[in-house]
Amino acid sequence: LAPMHLGIKVVLAKSFARIHHANLVNFGIIPLTFADPE
């Protein structure tokens, strides 16, 4: 919620913890994972 307020639109990571991934979606932040971790 607080990163959303600061204007964060996307989090791009190698992998996510499940609950935080859901929270990002619920507050309109797009969670993406690298297709190629490199």
PDB file of all heavy atoms in Angstrom:
ATOM      1  N   LEU A   1       0.810  -1.216   0.000  1.00  0.00           N
ATOM      2  CA  LEU A   1       0.000   0.000   0.000  1.00  0.00           C
ATOM      3  C   LEU A   1       0.847   1.271   0.000  1.00  0.00           C
ATOM      4  O   LEU A   1       0.587   2.211  -0.775  1.00  0.00           O
ATOM      5  CB  LEU A   1      -0.929  -0.027   1.216  1.00  0.00           C
ATOM      6  CG  LEU A   1      -1.837   1.168   1.468  1.00  0.00           C
ATOM      7  CD1 LEU A   1      -2.670   1.492   0.255  1.00  0.00           C
ATOM      8  CD2 LEU A   1      -2.725   0.898   2.678  1.00  0.00           C
ATOM      9  N   ALA A   2       1.876   1.318   0.846  1.00  0.00           N
ATOM     10  CA  ALA A   2       2.710   2.522   0.914  1.00  0.00           C
ATOM     11  C   ALA A   2       3.531   2.730  -0.364  1.00  0.00           C
ATOM     12  O   ALA A   2       3.610   3.855  -0.867  1.00  0.00           O
ATOM     13  CB  ALA A   2       3.609   2.477   2.151  1.00  0.00           C
ATOM     14  N   PRO A   3       4.173   1.685  -0.943  1.00  0.00           N
ATOM     15  CA  PRO A   3       4.837   1.881  -2.242  1.00  0.00           C
ATOM     16  C   PRO A   3       3.875   2.345  -3.331  1.00  0.00           C
ATOM     17  O   PRO A   3       4.237   3.160  -4.187  1.00  0.00           O
ATOM     18  CB  PRO A   3       5.412   0.496  -2.552  1.00  0.00           C
ATOM     19  CG  PRO A   3       5.659  -0.105  -1.215  1.00  0.00           C
ATOM     20  CD  PRO A   3       4.507   0.357  -0.372  1.00  0.00           C
ATOM     21  N   MET A   4       2.640   1.848  -3.322  1.00  0.00           N
ATOM     22  CA  MET A   4       1.639   2.317  -4.286  1.00  0.00           C
ATOM     23  C   MET A   4       1.423   3.813  -4.148  1.00  0.00           C
ATOM     24  O   MET A   4       1.376   4.548  -5.139  1.00  0.00           O
ATOM     25  CB  MET A   4       0.322   1.559  -4.067  1.00  0.00           C
ATOM     26  CG  MET A   4      -0.820   2.002  -4.992  1.00  0.00           C
ATOM     27  SD  MET A   4      -1.815   3.362  -4.315  1.00  0.00           S
ATOM     28  CE  MET A   4      -2.817   2.489  -3.126  1.00  0.00           C
ATOM     29  N   HIS A   5       1.337   4.281  -2.907  1.00  0.00           N
ATOM     30  CA  HIS A   5       1.145   5.715  -2.667  1.00  0.00           C
ATOM     31  C   HIS A   5       2.328   6.529  -3.200  1.00  0.00           C
ATOM     32  O   HIS A   5       2.147   7.665  -3.653  1.00  0.00           O
ATOM     33  CB  HIS A   5       0.973   5.972  -1.168  1.00  0.00           C
ATOM     34  CG  HIS A   5       0.894   7.417  -0.810  1.00  0.00           C
ATOM     35  ND1 HIS A   5      -0.184   8.211  -1.113  1.00  0.00           N
ATOM     36  CD2 HIS A   5       1.785   8.231  -0.181  1.00  0.00           C
ATOM     37  CE1 HIS A   5       0.036   9.448  -0.696  1.00  0.00           C
ATOM     38  NE2 HIS A   5       1.218   9.482  -0.124  1.00  0.00           N
ATOM     39  N   LEU A   6       3.530   5.947  -3.191  1.00  0.00           N
ATOM     40  CA  LEU A   6       4.722   6.645  -3.667  1.00  0.00           C
ATOM     41  C   LEU A   6       4.874   6.585  -5.190  1.00  0.00           C
ATOM     42  O   LEU A   6       5.835   7.116  -5.731  1.00  0.00           O
ATOM     43  CB  LEU A   6       5.974   6.051  -3.016  1.00  0.00           C
ATOM     44  CG  LEU A   6       6.113   6.280  -1.504  1.00  0.00           C
ATOM     45  CD1 LEU A   6       7.319   5.522  -0.963  1.00  0.00           C
ATOM     46  CD2 LEU A   6       6.227   7.767  -1.179  1.00  0.00           C
ATOM     47  N   GLY A   7       3.953   5.940  -5.879  1.00  0.00           N
ATOM     48  CA  GLY A   7       4.008   5.912  -7.336  1.00  0.00           C
ATOM     49  C   GLY A   7       4.657   4.685  -7.935  1.00  0.00           C
ATOM     50  O   GLY A   7       4.929   4.664  -9.141  1.00  0.00           O
ATOM     51  N   ILE A   8       4.911   3.654  -7.126  1.00  0.00           N
ATOM     52  CA  ILE A   8       5.479   2.418  -7.677  1.00  0.00           C
ATOM     53  C   ILE A   8       4.400   1.722  -8.507  1.00  0.00           C
ATOM     54  O   ILE A   8       3.307   1.437  -8.016  1.00  0.00           O
ATOM     55  CB  ILE A   8       5.996   1.495  -6.561  1.00  0.00           C
ATOM     56  CG1 ILE A   8       7.126   2.185  -5.793  1.00  0.00           C
ATOM     57  CG2 ILE A   8       6.472   0.166  -7.141  1.00  0.00           C
ATOM     58  CD1 ILE A   8       8.321   2.568  -6.639  1.00  0.00           C
ATOM     59  N   LYS A   9       4.716   1.441  -9.773  1.00  0.00           N
ATOM     60  CA  LYS A   9       3.743   0.827 -10.687  1.00  0.00           C
ATOM     61  C   LYS A   9       4.023  -0.655 -10.913  1.00  0.00           C
ATOM     62  O   LYS A   9       3.105  -1.431 -11.193  1.00  0.00           O
ATOM     63  CB  LYS A   9       3.773   1.541 -12.034  1.00  0.00           C
ATOM     64  CG  LYS A   9       3.490   3.045 -11.988  1.00  0.00           C
ATOM     65  CD  LYS A   9       2.052   3.316 -11.628  1.00  0.00           C
ATOM     66  CE  LYS A   9       1.675   4.776 -11.846  1.00  0.00           C
ATOM     67  NZ  LYS A   9       2.400   5.719 -11.002  1.00  0.00           N
ATOM     68  N   VAL A  10       5.311  -1.044 -10.816  1.00  0.00           N
ATOM     69  CA  VAL A  10       5.715  -2.404 -11.159  1.00  0.00           C
ATOM     70  C   VAL A  10       6.786  -2.862 -10.177  1.00  0.00           C
ATOM     71  O   VAL A  10       7.626  -2.060  -9.740  1.00  0.00           O
ATOM     72  CB  VAL A  10       6.284  -2.470 -12.597  1.00  0.00           C
ATOM     73  CG1 VAL A  10       6.738  -3.893 -12.947  1.00  0.00           C
ATOM     74  CG2 VAL A  10       5.271  -1.967 -13.614  1.00  0.00           C
ATOM     75  N   VAL A  11       6.754  -4.150  -9.807  1.00  0.00           N
ATOM     76  CA  VAL A  11       7.886  -4.793  -9.142  1.00  0.00           C
ATOM     77  C   VAL A  11       8.310  -5.949 -10.039  1.00  0.00           C
ATOM     78  O   VAL A  11       7.506  -6.826 -10.354  1.00  0.00           O
ATOM     79  CB  VAL A  11       7.543  -5.310  -7.733  1.00  0.00           C
ATOM     80  CG1 VAL A  11       8.740  -6.036  -7.129  1.00  0.00           C
ATOM     81  CG2 VAL A  11       7.110  -4.162  -6.827  1.00  0.00           C
ATOM     82  N   LEU A  12       9.559  -5.920 -10.478  1.00  0.00           N
ATOM     83  CA  LEU A  12      10.111  -6.947 -11.366  1.00  0.00           C
ATOM     84  C   LEU A  12      11.168  -7.709 -10.586  1.00  0.00           C
ATOM     85  O   LEU A  12      12.202  -7.155 -10.206  1.00  0.00           O
ATOM     86  CB  LEU A  12      10.726  -6.292 -12.605  1.00  0.00           C
ATOM     87  CG  LEU A  12      11.461  -7.183 -13.601  1.00  0.00           C
ATOM     88  CD1 LEU A  12      10.547  -8.266 -14.164  1.00  0.00           C
ATOM     89  CD2 LEU A  12      12.060  -6.341 -14.729  1.00  0.00           C
ATOM     90  N   ALA A  13      10.903  -8.981 -10.288  1.00  0.00           N
ATOM     91  CA  ALA A  13      11.792  -9.759  -9.428  1.00  0.00           C
ATOM     92  C   ALA A  13      12.035 -11.142 -10.020  1.00  0.00           C
ATOM     93  O   ALA A  13      11.366 -11.568 -10.961  1.00  0.00           O
ATOM     94  CB  ALA A  13      11.182  -9.892  -8.030  1.00  0.00           C
ATOM     95  N   LYS A  14      13.020 -11.841  -9.436  1.00  0.00           N
ATOM     96  CA  LYS A  14      13.278 -13.223  -9.861  1.00  0.00           C
ATOM     97  C   LYS A  14      12.183 -14.156  -9.368  1.00  0.00           C
ATOM     98  O   LYS A  14      11.799 -15.088 -10.066  1.00  0.00           O
ATOM     99  CB  LYS A  14      14.642 -13.674  -9.343  1.00  0.00           C
ATOM    100  CG  LYS A  14      15.817 -12.927  -9.971  1.00  0.00           C
ATOM    101  CD  LYS A  14      17.151 -13.433  -9.417  1.00  0.00           C
ATOM    102  CE  LYS A  14      18.326 -12.675 -10.009  1.00  0.00           C
ATOM    103  NZ  LYS A  14      19.617 -13.151  -9.460  1.00  0.00           N
ATOM    104  N   SER A  15      11.661 -13.917  -8.164  1.00  0.00           N
ATOM    105  CA  SER A  15      10.522 -14.676  -7.645  1.00  0.00           C
ATOM    106  C   SER A  15       9.930 -13.895  -6.476  1.00  0.00           C
ATOM    107  O   SER A  15      10.579 -13.017  -5.898  1.00  0.00           O
ATOM    108  CB  SER A  15      10.930 -16.086  -7.202  1.00  0.00           C
ATOM    109  OG  SER A  15      11.795 -16.037  -6.084  1.00  0.00           O
ATOM    110  N   PHE A  16       8.669 -14.227  -6.133  1.00  0.00           N
ATOM    111  CA  PHE A  16       7.938 -13.518  -5.084  1.00  0.00           C
ATOM    112  C   PHE A  16       7.496 -14.469  -3.978  1.00  0.00           C
ATOM    113  O   PHE A  16       7.200 -15.631  -4.230  1.00  0.00           O
ATOM    114  CB  PHE A  16       6.666 -12.864  -5.656  1.00  0.00           C
ATOM    115  CG  PHE A  16       6.907 -11.664  -6.503  1.00  0.00           C
ATOM    116  CD1 PHE A  16       7.050 -11.794  -7.873  1.00  0.00           C
ATOM    117  CD2 PHE A  16       6.965 -10.388  -5.953  1.00  0.00           C
ATOM    118  CE1 PHE A  16       7.253 -10.696  -8.684  1.00  0.00           C
ATOM    119  CE2 PHE A  16       7.172  -9.276  -6.746  1.00  0.00           C
ATOM    120  CZ  PHE A  16       7.316  -9.427  -8.115  1.00  0.00           C
ATOM    121  N   ALA A  17       7.409 -13.932  -2.776  1.00  0.00           N
ATOM    122  CA  ALA A  17       6.681 -14.622  -1.714  1.00  0.00           C
ATOM    123  C   ALA A  17       5.190 -14.506  -2.031  1.00  0.00           C
ATOM    124  O   ALA A  17       4.721 -13.458  -2.476  1.00  0.00           O
ATOM    125  CB  ALA A  17       6.993 -13.998  -0.359  1.00  0.00           C
ATOM    126  N   ARG A  18       4.449 -15.570  -1.793  1.00  0.00           N
ATOM    127  CA  ARG A  18       3.075 -15.680  -2.285  1.00  0.00           C
ATOM    128  C   ARG A  18       2.159 -14.569  -1.775  1.00  0.00           C
ATOM    129  O   ARG A  18       1.435 -13.950  -2.552  1.00  0.00           O
ATOM    130  CB  ARG A  18       2.512 -17.042  -1.872  1.00  0.00           C
ATOM    131  CG  ARG A  18       1.062 -17.266  -2.255  1.00  0.00           C
ATOM    132  CD  ARG A  18       0.590 -18.635  -1.787  1.00  0.00           C
ATOM    133  NE  ARG A  18       0.718 -18.804  -0.356  1.00  0.00           N
ATOM    134  CZ  ARG A  18      -0.192 -18.397   0.533  1.00  0.00           C
ATOM    135  NH1 ARG A  18      -1.285 -17.796   0.116  1.00  0.00           N
ATOM    136  NH2 ARG A  18       0.002 -18.596   1.820  1.00  0.00           N
ATOM    137  N   ILE A  19       2.159 -14.312  -0.468  1.00  0.00           N
ATOM    138  CA  ILE A  19       1.204 -13.355   0.087  1.00  0.00           C
ATOM    139  C   ILE A  19       1.523 -11.941  -0.381  1.00  0.00           C
ATOM    140  O   ILE A  19       0.631 -11.162  -0.720  1.00  0.00           O
ATOM    141  CB  ILE A  19       1.169 -13.444   1.620  1.00  0.00           C
ATOM    142  CG1 ILE A  19       0.628 -14.814   2.042  1.00  0.00           C
ATOM    143  CG2 ILE A  19       0.308 -12.340   2.213  1.00  0.00           C
ATOM    144  CD1 ILE A  19       0.595 -15.040   3.540  1.00  0.00           C
ATOM    145  N   HIS A  20       2.804 -11.589  -0.435  1.00  0.00           N
ATOM    146  CA  HIS A  20       3.152 -10.244  -0.889  1.00  0.00           C
ATOM    147  C   HIS A  20       2.779 -10.066  -2.358  1.00  0.00           C
ATOM    148  O   HIS A  20       2.335  -8.978  -2.764  1.00  0.00           O
ATOM    149  CB  HIS A  20       4.637  -9.968  -0.673  1.00  0.00           C
ATOM    150  CG  HIS A  20       5.019  -8.552  -1.003  1.00  0.00           C
ATOM    151  ND1 HIS A  20       4.528  -7.467  -0.315  1.00  0.00           N
ATOM    152  CD2 HIS A  20       5.827  -8.042  -1.980  1.00  0.00           C
ATOM    153  CE1 HIS A  20       5.016  -6.355  -0.836  1.00  0.00           C
ATOM    154  NE2 HIS A  20       5.799  -6.680  -1.847  1.00  0.00           N
ATOM    155  N   HIS A  21       2.954 -11.108  -3.147  1.00  0.00           N
ATOM    156  CA  HIS A  21       2.542 -11.062  -4.559  1.00  0.00           C
ATOM    157  C   HIS A  21       1.059 -10.703  -4.650  1.00  0.00           C
ATOM    158  O   HIS A  21       0.650  -9.828  -5.433  1.00  0.00           O
ATOM    159  CB  HIS A  21       2.819 -12.415  -5.213  1.00  0.00           C
ATOM    160  CG  HIS A  21       2.479 -12.496  -6.659  1.00  0.00           C
ATOM    161  ND1 HIS A  21       1.198 -12.752  -7.112  1.00  0.00           N
ATOM    162  CD2 HIS A  21       3.253 -12.360  -7.776  1.00  0.00           C
ATOM    163  CE1 HIS A  21       1.189 -12.766  -8.433  1.00  0.00           C
ATOM    164  NE2 HIS A  21       2.419 -12.529  -8.856  1.00  0.00           N
ATOM    165  N   ALA A  22       0.226 -11.345  -3.823  1.00  0.00           N
ATOM    166  CA  ALA A  22      -1.211 -11.067  -3.821  1.00  0.00           C
ATOM    167  C   ALA A  22      -1.498  -9.638  -3.360  1.00  0.00           C
ATOM    168  O   ALA A  22      -2.374  -8.956  -3.909  1.00  0.00           O
ATOM    169  CB  ALA A  22      -1.941 -12.066  -2.931  1.00  0.00           C
ATOM    170  N   ASN A  23      -0.765  -9.166  -2.352  1.00  0.00           N
ATOM    171  CA  ASN A  23      -0.967  -7.805  -1.863  1.00  0.00           C
ATOM    172  C   ASN A  23      -0.627  -6.760  -2.926  1.00  0.00           C
ATOM    173  O   ASN A  23      -1.301  -5.739  -3.051  1.00  0.00           O
ATOM    174  CB  ASN A  23      -0.137  -7.562  -0.604  1.00  0.00           C
ATOM    175  CG  ASN A  23      -0.731  -8.215   0.627  1.00  0.00           C
ATOM    176  OD1 ASN A  23      -1.916  -8.517   0.675  1.00  0.00           O
ATOM    177  ND2 ASN A  23       0.095  -8.445   1.635  1.00  0.00           N
ATOM    178  N   LEU A  24       0.445  -6.997  -3.678  1.00  0.00           N
ATOM    179  CA  LEU A  24       0.805  -6.073  -4.757  1.00  0.00           C
ATOM    180  C   LEU A  24      -0.344  -5.956  -5.754  1.00  0.00           C
ATOM    181  O   LEU A  24      -0.729  -4.849  -6.165  1.00  0.00           O
ATOM    182  CB  LEU A  24       2.079  -6.541  -5.461  1.00  0.00           C
ATOM    183  CG  LEU A  24       3.379  -6.431  -4.670  1.00  0.00           C
ATOM    184  CD1 LEU A  24       4.525  -7.105  -5.429  1.00  0.00           C
ATOM    185  CD2 LEU A  24       3.738  -4.976  -4.384  1.00  0.00           C
ATOM    186  N   VAL A  25      -0.895  -7.092  -6.149  1.00  0.00           N
ATOM    187  CA  VAL A  25      -2.024  -7.088  -7.089  1.00  0.00           C
ATOM    188  C   VAL A  25      -3.198  -6.316  -6.501  1.00  0.00           C
ATOM    189  O   VAL A  25      -3.807  -5.462  -7.166  1.00  0.00           O
ATOM    190  CB  VAL A  25      -2.442  -8.527  -7.441  1.00  0.00           C
ATOM    191  CG1 VAL A  25      -3.735  -8.523  -8.264  1.00  0.00           C
ATOM    192  CG2 VAL A  25      -1.336  -9.235  -8.206  1.00  0.00           C
ATOM    193  N   ASN A  26      -3.516  -6.582  -5.248  1.00  0.00           N
ATOM    194  CA  ASN A  26      -4.682  -5.953  -4.624  1.00  0.00           C
ATOM    195  C   ASN A  26      -4.579  -4.444  -4.582  1.00  0.00           C
ATOM    196  O   ASN A  26      -5.601  -3.750  -4.558  1.00  0.00           O
ATOM    197  CB  ASN A  26      -4.885  -6.503  -3.214  1.00  0.00           C
ATOM    198  CG  ASN A  26      -5.421  -7.921  -3.216  1.00  0.00           C
ATOM    199  OD1 ASN A  26      -5.966  -8.385  -4.217  1.00  0.00           O
ATOM    200  ND2 ASN A  26      -5.259  -8.616  -2.104  1.00  0.00           N
ATOM    201  N   PHE A  27      -3.362  -3.906  -4.565  1.00  0.00           N
ATOM    202  CA  PHE A  27      -3.194  -2.462  -4.540  1.00  0.00           C
ATOM    203  C   PHE A  27      -2.718  -1.912  -5.884  1.00  0.00           C
ATOM    204  O   PHE A  27      -2.193  -0.799  -5.966  1.00  0.00           O
ATOM    205  CB  PHE A  27      -2.259  -2.053  -3.403  1.00  0.00           C
ATOM    206  CG  PHE A  27      -2.910  -2.226  -2.061  1.00  0.00           C
ATOM    207  CD1 PHE A  27      -2.550  -3.269  -1.223  1.00  0.00           C
ATOM    208  CD2 PHE A  27      -3.920  -1.379  -1.651  1.00  0.00           C
ATOM    209  CE1 PHE A  27      -3.172  -3.451  -0.007  1.00  0.00           C
ATOM    210  CE2 PHE A  27      -4.551  -1.547  -0.427  1.00  0.00           C
ATOM    211  CZ  PHE A  27      -4.178  -2.587   0.396  1.00  0.00           C
ATOM    212  N   GLY A  28      -2.896  -2.693  -6.946  1.00  0.00           N
ATOM    213  CA  GLY A  28      -2.701  -2.176  -8.297  1.00  0.00           C
ATOM    214  C   GLY A  28      -1.272  -2.094  -8.769  1.00  0.00           C
ATOM    215  O   GLY A  28      -0.990  -1.409  -9.757  1.00  0.00           O
ATOM    216  N   ILE A  29      -0.334  -2.770  -8.088  1.00  0.00           N
ATOM    217  CA  ILE A  29       1.064  -2.804  -8.528  1.00  0.00           C
ATOM    218  C   ILE A  29       1.290  -4.109  -9.285  1.00  0.00           C
ATOM    219  O   ILE A  29       0.947  -5.187  -8.794  1.00  0.00           O
ATOM    220  CB  ILE A  29       2.025  -2.704  -7.333  1.00  0.00           C
ATOM    221  CG1 ILE A  29       1.831  -1.366  -6.607  1.00  0.00           C
ATOM    222  CG2 ILE A  29       3.478  -2.854  -7.790  1.00  0.00           C
ATOM    223  CD1 ILE A  29       2.681  -1.224  -5.354  1.00  0.00           C
ATOM    224  N   ILE A  30       1.859  -4.025 -10.489  1.00  0.00           N
ATOM    225  CA  ILE A  30       2.024  -5.207 -11.328  1.00  0.00           C
ATOM    226  C   ILE A  30       3.254  -5.993 -10.879  1.00  0.00           C
ATOM    227  O   ILE A  30       4.378  -5.490 -10.954  1.00  0.00           O
ATOM    228  CB  ILE A  30       2.174  -4.824 -12.807  1.00  0.00           C
ATOM    229  CG1 ILE A  30       0.997  -3.985 -13.273  1.00  0.00           C
ATOM    230  CG2 ILE A  30       2.308  -6.071 -13.676  1.00  0.00           C
ATOM    231  CD1 ILE A  30       1.146  -3.451 -14.689  1.00  0.00           C
ATOM    232  N   PRO A  31       3.089  -7.250 -10.414  1.00  0.00           N
ATOM    233  CA  PRO A  31       4.243  -8.092 -10.071  1.00  0.00           C
ATOM    234  C   PRO A  31       4.670  -8.919 -11.282  1.00  0.00           C
ATOM    235  O   PRO A  31       3.871  -9.686 -11.828  1.00  0.00           O
ATOM    236  CB  PRO A  31       3.704  -8.978  -8.947  1.00  0.00           C
ATOM    237  CG  PRO A  31       2.235  -9.098  -9.238  1.00  0.00           C
ATOM    238  CD  PRO A  31       1.812  -7.904 -10.047  1.00  0.00           C
ATOM    239  N   LEU A  32       5.914  -8.785 -11.686  1.00  0.00           N
ATOM    240  CA  LEU A  32       6.436  -9.525 -12.836  1.00  0.00           C
ATOM    241  C   LEU A  32       7.697 -10.269 -12.430  1.00  0.00           C
ATOM    242  O   LEU A  32       8.469  -9.786 -11.593  1.00  0.00           O
ATOM    243  CB  LEU A  32       6.755  -8.572 -13.993  1.00  0.00           C
ATOM    244  CG  LEU A  32       5.598  -7.757 -14.578  1.00  0.00           C
ATOM    245  CD1 LEU A  32       6.123  -6.740 -15.587  1.00  0.00           C
ATOM    246  CD2 LEU A  32       4.562  -8.664 -15.215  1.00  0.00           C
ATOM    247  N   THR A  33       7.920 -11.428 -13.029  1.00  0.00           N
ATOM    248  CA  THR A  33       9.155 -12.178 -12.793  1.00  0.00           C
ATOM    249  C   THR A  33       9.951 -12.263 -14.095  1.00  0.00           C
ATOM    250  O   THR A  33       9.380 -12.361 -15.186  1.00  0.00           O
ATOM    251  CB  THR A  33       8.860 -13.601 -12.285  1.00  0.00           C
ATOM    252  OG1 THR A  33       8.017 -14.274 -13.217  1.00  0.00           O
ATOM    253  CG2 THR A  33       8.179 -13.562 -10.933  1.00  0.00           C
ATOM    254  N   PHE A  34      11.269 -12.212 -13.961  1.00  0.00           N
ATOM    255  CA  PHE A  34      12.142 -12.295 -15.125  1.00  0.00           C
ATOM    256  C   PHE A  34      11.927 -13.629 -15.854  1.00  0.00           C
ATOM    257  O   PHE A  34      11.987 -14.697 -15.223  1.00  0.00           O
ATOM    258  CB  PHE A  34      13.615 -12.200 -14.715  1.00  0.00           C
ATOM    259  CG  PHE A  34      14.041 -10.845 -14.237  1.00  0.00           C
ATOM    260  CD1 PHE A  34      14.122 -10.561 -12.874  1.00  0.00           C
ATOM    261  CD2 PHE A  34      14.390  -9.851 -15.150  1.00  0.00           C
ATOM    262  CE1 PHE A  34      14.530  -9.314 -12.429  1.00  0.00           C
ATOM    263  CE2 PHE A  34      14.805  -8.600 -14.710  1.00  0.00           C
ATOM    264  CZ  PHE A  34      14.869  -8.331 -13.349  1.00  0.00           C
ATOM    265  N   ALA A  35      11.700 -13.565 -17.167  1.00  0.00           N
ATOM    266  CA  ALA A  35      11.667 -14.807 -17.949  1.00  0.00           C
ATOM    267  C   ALA A  35      13.055 -15.441 -17.956  1.00  0.00           C
ATOM    268  O   ALA A  35      13.194 -16.662 -17.926  1.00  0.00           O
ATOM    269  CB  ALA A  35      11.190 -14.515 -19.369  1.00  0.00           C
ATOM    270  N   ASP A  36      14.083 -14.603 -17.993  1.00  0.00           N
ATOM    271  CA  ASP A  36      15.465 -15.050 -17.897  1.00  0.00           C
ATOM    272  C   ASP A  36      16.097 -14.348 -16.693  1.00  0.00           C
ATOM    273  O   ASP A  36      16.335 -13.136 -16.736  1.00  0.00           O
ATOM    274  CB  ASP A  36      16.240 -14.692 -19.174  1.00  0.00           C
ATOM    275  CG  ASP A  36      17.699 -15.147 -19.123  1.00  0.00           C
ATOM    276  OD1 ASP A  36      18.127 -15.675 -18.082  1.00  0.00           O
ATOM    277  OD2 ASP A  36      18.416 -14.955 -20.138  1.00  0.00           O
ATOM    278  N   PRO A  37      16.340 -15.062 -15.580  1.00  0.00           N
ATOM    279  CA  PRO A  37      16.872 -14.424 -14.369  1.00  0.00           C
ATOM    280  C   PRO A  37      18.167 -13.647 -14.592  1.00  0.00           C
ATOM    281  O   PRO A  37      18.462 -12.718 -13.833  1.00  0.00           O
ATOM    282  CB  PRO A  37      17.100 -15.606 -13.420  1.00  0.00           C
ATOM    283  CG  PRO A  37      16.153 -16.658 -13.893  1.00  0.00           C
ATOM    284  CD  PRO A  37      16.085 -16.500 -15.378  1.00  0.00           C
ATOM    285  N   GLU A  38      18.917 -13.982 -15.634  1.00  0.00           N
ATOM    286  CA  GLU A  38      20.160 -13.259 -15.890  1.00  0.00           C
ATOM    287  C   GLU A  38      19.907 -11.819 -16.329  1.00  0.00           C
ATOM    288  O   GLU A  38      20.815 -10.979 -16.276  1.00  0.00           O
ATOM    289  CB  GLU A  38      20.992 -14.005 -16.936  1.00  0.00           C
ATOM    290  CG  GLU A  38      21.530 -15.347 -16.439  1.00  0.00           C
ATOM    291  CD  GLU A  38      22.479 -16.006 -17.423  1.00  0.00           C
ATOM    292  OE1 GLU A  38      22.769 -15.392 -18.471  1.00  0.00           O
ATOM    293  OE2 GLU A  38      22.932 -17.133 -17.142  1.00  0.00           O
TER     294      GLU A  38
END
